[in-house]
Amino acid sequence: MDHTLLDPGWWVTAIELPVIGAMALLLWRSRQEWDSRIDDLERRFDLGLGQMREALAAYKLEVAKSYATTGYLKDVERRLTEHLVRIEAKLDAVQTGQR
């Protein structure tokens, strides 16, 4: 039986060090890949957030442009009330004329 296979120094040199080195390389590459993916996701998130903010600002501007003022609403209410009063007067005249 060969005693070199049982020698701890040989195991460390021939087996354990390359395995530990490969594991360290694997961990380092995984870390680099995850960092790259996180950076990509962060960039995409920032881009989407910027687009959403622009869309919200455009919507707010459109709402501000089409927003009816209180004075305009009061004017419309006054005109509708006057028109309804005229219709009511005509209906009253027709109703009293039929009796």
N, C-alpha and C. Protein backbone atom coordinates (compact mmCIF):
# COMPACT_ATOMS: atom_id res chain seq x y z
N MET A 1 0.84 -1.17 0.00
CA MET A 1 0.00 0.00 0.00
C MET A 1 0.89 1.23 0.00
N ASP A 2 0.48 2.20 -0.79
CA ASP A 2 1.27 3.41 -0.94
C ASP A 2 0.94 4.38 0.19
N HIS A 3 1.96 4.84 0.90
CA HIS A 3 1.74 5.73 2.03
C HIS A 3 1.56 7.19 1.62
N THR A 4 1.79 7.52 0.38
CA THR A 4 1.61 8.90 -0.06
C THR A 4 0.14 9.28 -0.11
N LEU A 5 -0.77 8.33 -0.31
CA LEU A 5 -2.20 8.64 -0.32
C LEU A 5 -2.72 8.93 1.08
N LEU A 6 -2.07 8.42 2.08
CA LEU A 6 -2.50 8.64 3.46
C LEU A 6 -1.81 9.84 4.09
N ASP A 7 -0.84 10.39 3.45
CA ASP A 7 -0.10 11.52 3.99
C ASP A 7 -0.98 12.77 3.98
N PRO A 8 -1.20 13.43 5.14
CA PRO A 8 -2.05 14.62 5.19
C PRO A 8 -1.52 15.78 4.35
N GLY A 9 -0.25 15.92 4.26
CA GLY A 9 0.33 16.98 3.44
C GLY A 9 -0.02 16.82 1.97
N TRP A 10 -0.01 15.58 1.53
CA TRP A 10 -0.37 15.31 0.13
C TRP A 10 -1.85 15.63 -0.11
N TRP A 11 -2.74 15.27 0.82
CA TRP A 11 -4.18 15.57 0.68
C TRP A 11 -4.41 17.08 0.64
N VAL A 12 -3.75 17.79 1.50
CA VAL A 12 -3.91 19.25 1.52
C VAL A 12 -3.44 19.84 0.21
N THR A 13 -2.29 19.39 -0.26
CA THR A 13 -1.72 19.96 -1.48
C THR A 13 -2.48 19.53 -2.73
N ALA A 14 -2.83 18.29 -2.84
CA ALA A 14 -3.40 17.77 -4.08
C ALA A 14 -4.92 17.90 -4.15
N ILE A 15 -5.61 17.84 -3.05
CA ILE A 15 -7.08 17.80 -3.08
C ILE A 15 -7.70 19.05 -2.45
N GLU A 16 -7.41 19.31 -1.21
CA GLU A 16 -8.12 20.35 -0.47
C GLU A 16 -7.85 21.75 -0.99
N LEU A 17 -6.62 22.10 -1.26
CA LEU A 17 -6.32 23.45 -1.74
C LEU A 17 -6.99 23.75 -3.09
N PRO A 18 -6.93 22.86 -4.08
CA PRO A 18 -7.64 23.16 -5.33
C PRO A 18 -9.16 23.24 -5.15
N VAL A 19 -9.71 22.38 -4.30
CA VAL A 19 -11.16 22.43 -4.06
C VAL A 19 -11.54 23.73 -3.37
N ILE A 20 -10.80 24.13 -2.37
CA ILE A 20 -11.08 25.39 -1.68
C ILE A 20 -10.90 26.57 -2.63
N GLY A 21 -9.88 26.51 -3.48
CA GLY A 21 -9.67 27.57 -4.47
C GLY A 21 -10.82 27.64 -5.46
N ALA A 22 -11.30 26.48 -5.91
CA ALA A 22 -12.44 26.45 -6.84
C ALA A 22 -13.70 26.99 -6.18
N MET A 23 -13.91 26.64 -4.92
CA MET A 23 -15.08 27.15 -4.19
C MET A 23 -14.99 28.66 -4.01
N ALA A 24 -13.80 29.15 -3.70
CA ALA A 24 -13.63 30.60 -3.55
C ALA A 24 -13.90 31.30 -4.87
N LEU A 25 -13.40 30.73 -5.97
CA LEU A 25 -13.65 31.31 -7.29
C LEU A 25 -15.13 31.29 -7.63
N LEU A 26 -15.80 30.20 -7.30
CA LEU A 26 -17.24 30.09 -7.55
C LEU A 26 -18.02 31.13 -6.74
N LEU A 27 -17.66 31.30 -5.49
CA LEU A 27 -18.32 32.31 -4.66
C LEU A 27 -18.06 33.72 -5.19
N TRP A 28 -16.83 33.99 -5.62
CA TRP A 28 -16.50 35.31 -6.14
C TRP A 28 -17.29 35.60 -7.41
N ARG A 29 -17.36 34.61 -8.32
CA ARG A 29 -18.12 34.80 -9.56
C ARG A 29 -19.61 34.99 -9.28
N SER A 30 -20.14 34.21 -8.34
CA SER A 30 -21.56 34.36 -7.98
C SER A 30 -21.82 35.75 -7.43
N ARG A 31 -20.93 36.21 -6.60
CA ARG A 31 -21.08 37.55 -6.02
C ARG A 31 -21.05 38.62 -7.11
N GLN A 32 -20.13 38.49 -8.06
CA GLN A 32 -20.05 39.44 -9.17
C GLN A 32 -21.32 39.42 -10.01
N GLU A 33 -21.84 38.23 -10.26
CA GLU A 33 -23.07 38.09 -11.06
C GLU A 33 -24.26 38.72 -10.34
N TRP A 34 -24.39 38.47 -9.05
CA TRP A 34 -25.49 39.05 -8.29
C TRP A 34 -25.37 40.57 -8.20
N ASP A 35 -24.17 41.06 -8.01
CA ASP A 35 -23.98 42.51 -8.00
C ASP A 35 -24.38 43.12 -9.33
N SER A 36 -24.02 42.47 -10.41
CA SER A 36 -24.39 42.95 -11.74
C SER A 36 -25.90 42.95 -11.92
N ARG A 37 -26.55 41.88 -11.48
CA ARG A 37 -28.01 41.80 -11.60
C ARG A 37 -28.70 42.86 -10.74
N ILE A 38 -28.19 43.07 -9.55
CA ILE A 38 -28.78 44.08 -8.68
C ILE A 38 -28.62 45.47 -9.29
N ASP A 39 -27.45 45.76 -9.85
CA ASP A 39 -27.24 47.04 -10.51
C ASP A 39 -28.19 47.22 -11.69
N ASP A 40 -28.40 46.16 -12.46
CA ASP A 40 -29.33 46.21 -13.59
C ASP A 40 -30.75 46.46 -13.11
N LEU A 41 -31.17 45.76 -12.06
CA LEU A 41 -32.52 45.97 -11.52
C LEU A 41 -32.69 47.38 -10.97
N GLU A 42 -31.66 47.88 -10.31
CA GLU A 42 -31.73 49.24 -9.77
C GLU A 42 -31.85 50.27 -10.89
N ARG A 43 -31.10 50.06 -11.97
CA ARG A 43 -31.17 50.97 -13.11
C ARG A 43 -32.56 50.92 -13.76
N ARG A 44 -33.10 49.70 -13.92
CA ARG A 44 -34.44 49.57 -14.50
C ARG A 44 -35.50 50.19 -13.60
N PHE A 45 -35.35 50.01 -12.29
CA PHE A 45 -36.29 50.59 -11.34
C PHE A 45 -36.25 52.12 -11.40
N ASP A 46 -35.05 52.68 -11.43
CA ASP A 46 -34.92 54.14 -11.51
C ASP A 46 -35.51 54.68 -12.80
N LEU A 47 -35.31 53.96 -13.90
CA LEU A 47 -35.89 54.37 -15.18
C LEU A 47 -37.41 54.33 -15.12
N GLY A 48 -37.97 53.25 -14.59
CA GLY A 48 -39.42 53.14 -14.46
C GLY A 48 -39.99 54.20 -13.53
N LEU A 49 -39.29 54.46 -12.44
CA LEU A 49 -39.75 55.48 -11.49
C LEU A 49 -39.74 56.86 -12.14
N GLY A 50 -38.71 57.15 -12.92
CA GLY A 50 -38.66 58.44 -13.63
C GLY A 50 -39.79 58.58 -14.63
N GLN A 51 -40.07 57.49 -15.36
CA GLN A 51 -41.17 57.54 -16.33
C GLN A 51 -42.51 57.71 -15.62
N MET A 52 -42.67 57.05 -14.47
CA MET A 52 -43.91 57.19 -13.72
C MET A 52 -44.08 58.61 -13.20
N ARG A 53 -43.00 59.21 -12.74
CA ARG A 53 -43.08 60.59 -12.25
C ARG A 53 -43.43 61.56 -13.38
N GLU A 54 -42.84 61.33 -14.56
CA GLU A 54 -43.16 62.18 -15.71
C GLU A 54 -44.63 62.03 -16.10
N ALA A 55 -45.14 60.80 -16.09
CA ALA A 55 -46.54 60.56 -16.43
C ALA A 55 -47.46 61.22 -15.41
N LEU A 56 -47.10 61.14 -14.14
CA LEU A 56 -47.91 61.77 -13.10
C LEU A 56 -47.90 63.29 -13.25
N ALA A 57 -46.76 63.86 -13.55
CA ALA A 57 -46.67 65.30 -13.75
C ALA A 57 -47.51 65.73 -14.95
N ALA A 58 -47.47 64.94 -16.03
CA ALA A 58 -48.28 65.27 -17.21
C ALA A 58 -49.76 65.16 -16.89
N TYR A 59 -50.14 64.16 -16.10
CA TYR A 59 -51.55 64.01 -15.71
C TYR A 59 -51.99 65.18 -14.83
N LYS A 60 -51.15 65.57 -13.89
CA LYS A 60 -51.49 66.71 -13.04
C LYS A 60 -51.66 67.98 -13.86
N LEU A 61 -50.80 68.17 -14.85
CA LEU A 61 -50.91 69.33 -15.72
C LEU A 61 -52.21 69.29 -16.51
N GLU A 62 -52.58 68.13 -17.03
CA GLU A 62 -53.83 67.99 -17.79
C GLU A 62 -55.03 68.26 -16.90
N VAL A 63 -55.00 67.76 -15.67
CA VAL A 63 -56.10 68.01 -14.73
C VAL A 63 -56.18 69.50 -14.42
N ALA A 64 -55.04 70.14 -14.22
CA ALA A 64 -55.04 71.57 -13.92
C ALA A 64 -55.58 72.38 -15.09
N LYS A 65 -55.28 71.94 -16.32
CA LYS A 65 -55.78 72.66 -17.49
C LYS A 65 -57.29 72.51 -17.65
N SER A 66 -57.80 71.32 -17.35
CA SER A 66 -59.22 71.07 -17.59
C SER A 66 -60.07 71.26 -16.33
N TYR A 67 -59.49 71.73 -15.27
CA TYR A 67 -60.21 71.90 -14.02
C TYR A 67 -61.16 73.09 -14.12
N ALA A 68 -62.40 72.86 -13.73
CA ALA A 68 -63.40 73.93 -13.77
C ALA A 68 -63.25 74.80 -12.52
N THR A 69 -63.26 76.11 -12.73
CA THR A 69 -63.13 77.02 -11.60
C THR A 69 -64.46 77.15 -10.87
N THR A 70 -64.41 77.61 -9.64
CA THR A 70 -65.62 77.77 -8.84
C THR A 70 -66.55 78.80 -9.47
N GLY A 71 -65.99 79.87 -9.99
CA GLY A 71 -66.81 80.90 -10.63
C GLY A 71 -67.55 80.35 -11.84
N TYR A 72 -66.87 79.53 -12.62
CA TYR A 72 -67.51 78.93 -13.80
C TYR A 72 -68.64 78.00 -13.36
N LEU A 73 -68.41 77.21 -12.33
CA LEU A 73 -69.46 76.31 -11.85
C LEU A 73 -70.66 77.08 -11.31
N LYS A 74 -70.43 78.18 -10.62
CA LYS A 74 -71.54 78.99 -10.12
C LYS A 74 -72.33 79.60 -11.27
N ASP A 75 -71.63 80.01 -12.32
CA ASP A 75 -72.30 80.56 -13.50
C ASP A 75 -73.18 79.50 -14.16
N VAL A 76 -72.67 78.31 -14.32
CA VAL A 76 -73.46 77.22 -14.91
C VAL A 76 -74.65 76.90 -14.03
N GLU A 77 -74.46 76.85 -12.73
CA GLU A 77 -75.56 76.58 -11.82
C GLU A 77 -76.64 77.66 -11.92
N ARG A 78 -76.22 78.92 -12.01
CA ARG A 78 -77.18 80.02 -12.11
C ARG A 78 -77.98 79.91 -13.40
N ARG A 79 -77.30 79.62 -14.53
CA ARG A 79 -78.00 79.51 -15.81
C ARG A 79 -78.96 78.32 -15.82
N LEU A 80 -78.54 77.20 -15.25
CA LEU A 80 -79.44 76.04 -15.17
C LEU A 80 -80.65 76.33 -14.30
N THR A 81 -80.43 76.99 -13.18
CA THR A 81 -81.54 77.33 -12.30
C THR A 81 -82.52 78.26 -13.00
N GLU A 82 -82.02 79.27 -13.69
CA GLU A 82 -82.90 80.18 -14.44
C GLU A 82 -83.69 79.44 -15.51
N HIS A 83 -83.04 78.53 -16.20
CA HIS A 83 -83.72 77.77 -17.24
C HIS A 83 -84.78 76.86 -16.64
N LEU A 84 -84.47 76.21 -15.52
CA LEU A 84 -85.46 75.35 -14.86
C LEU A 84 -86.64 76.17 -14.33
N VAL A 85 -86.39 77.36 -13.85
CA VAL A 85 -87.48 78.23 -13.38
C VAL A 85 -88.38 78.60 -14.56
N ARG A 86 -87.80 78.89 -15.73
CA ARG A 86 -88.60 79.21 -16.92
C ARG A 86 -89.44 78.00 -17.35
N ILE A 87 -88.85 76.82 -17.31
CA ILE A 87 -89.59 75.61 -17.67
C ILE A 87 -90.73 75.40 -16.68
N GLU A 88 -90.46 75.60 -15.41
CA GLU A 88 -91.49 75.44 -14.39
C GLU A 88 -92.62 76.44 -14.60
N ALA A 89 -92.27 77.66 -14.96
CA ALA A 89 -93.31 78.68 -15.21
C ALA A 89 -94.16 78.29 -16.41
N LYS A 90 -93.56 77.77 -17.46
CA LYS A 90 -94.32 77.34 -18.63
C LYS A 90 -95.23 76.17 -18.28
N LEU A 91 -94.73 75.23 -17.49
CA LEU A 91 -95.56 74.10 -17.08
C LEU A 91 -96.73 74.56 -16.22
N ASP A 92 -96.47 75.53 -15.34
CA ASP A 92 -97.55 76.07 -14.52
C ASP A 92 -98.59 76.77 -15.38
N ALA A 93 -98.13 77.50 -16.41
CA ALA A 93 -99.06 78.20 -17.30
C ALA A 93 -99.89 77.20 -18.09
N VAL A 94 -99.28 76.14 -18.55
CA VAL A 94 -100.03 75.12 -19.30
C VAL A 94 -101.01 74.42 -18.38
N GLN A 95 -100.62 74.14 -17.17
CA GLN A 95 -101.48 73.44 -16.23
C GLN A 95 -102.67 74.32 -15.82
N THR A 96 -102.46 75.60 -15.59
CA THR A 96 -103.57 76.48 -15.21
C THR A 96 -104.46 76.77 -16.40
N GLY A 97 -103.95 76.73 -17.61
CA GLY A 97 -104.75 76.97 -18.81
C GLY A 97 -105.63 75.79 -19.14
N GLN A 98 -105.31 74.60 -18.71
CA GLN A 98 -106.11 73.43 -19.01
C GLN A 98 -107.24 73.26 -18.03
N ARG A 99 -107.25 73.89 -16.96
CA ARG A 99 -108.31 73.74 -15.96
C ARG A 99 -109.50 74.49 -16.34
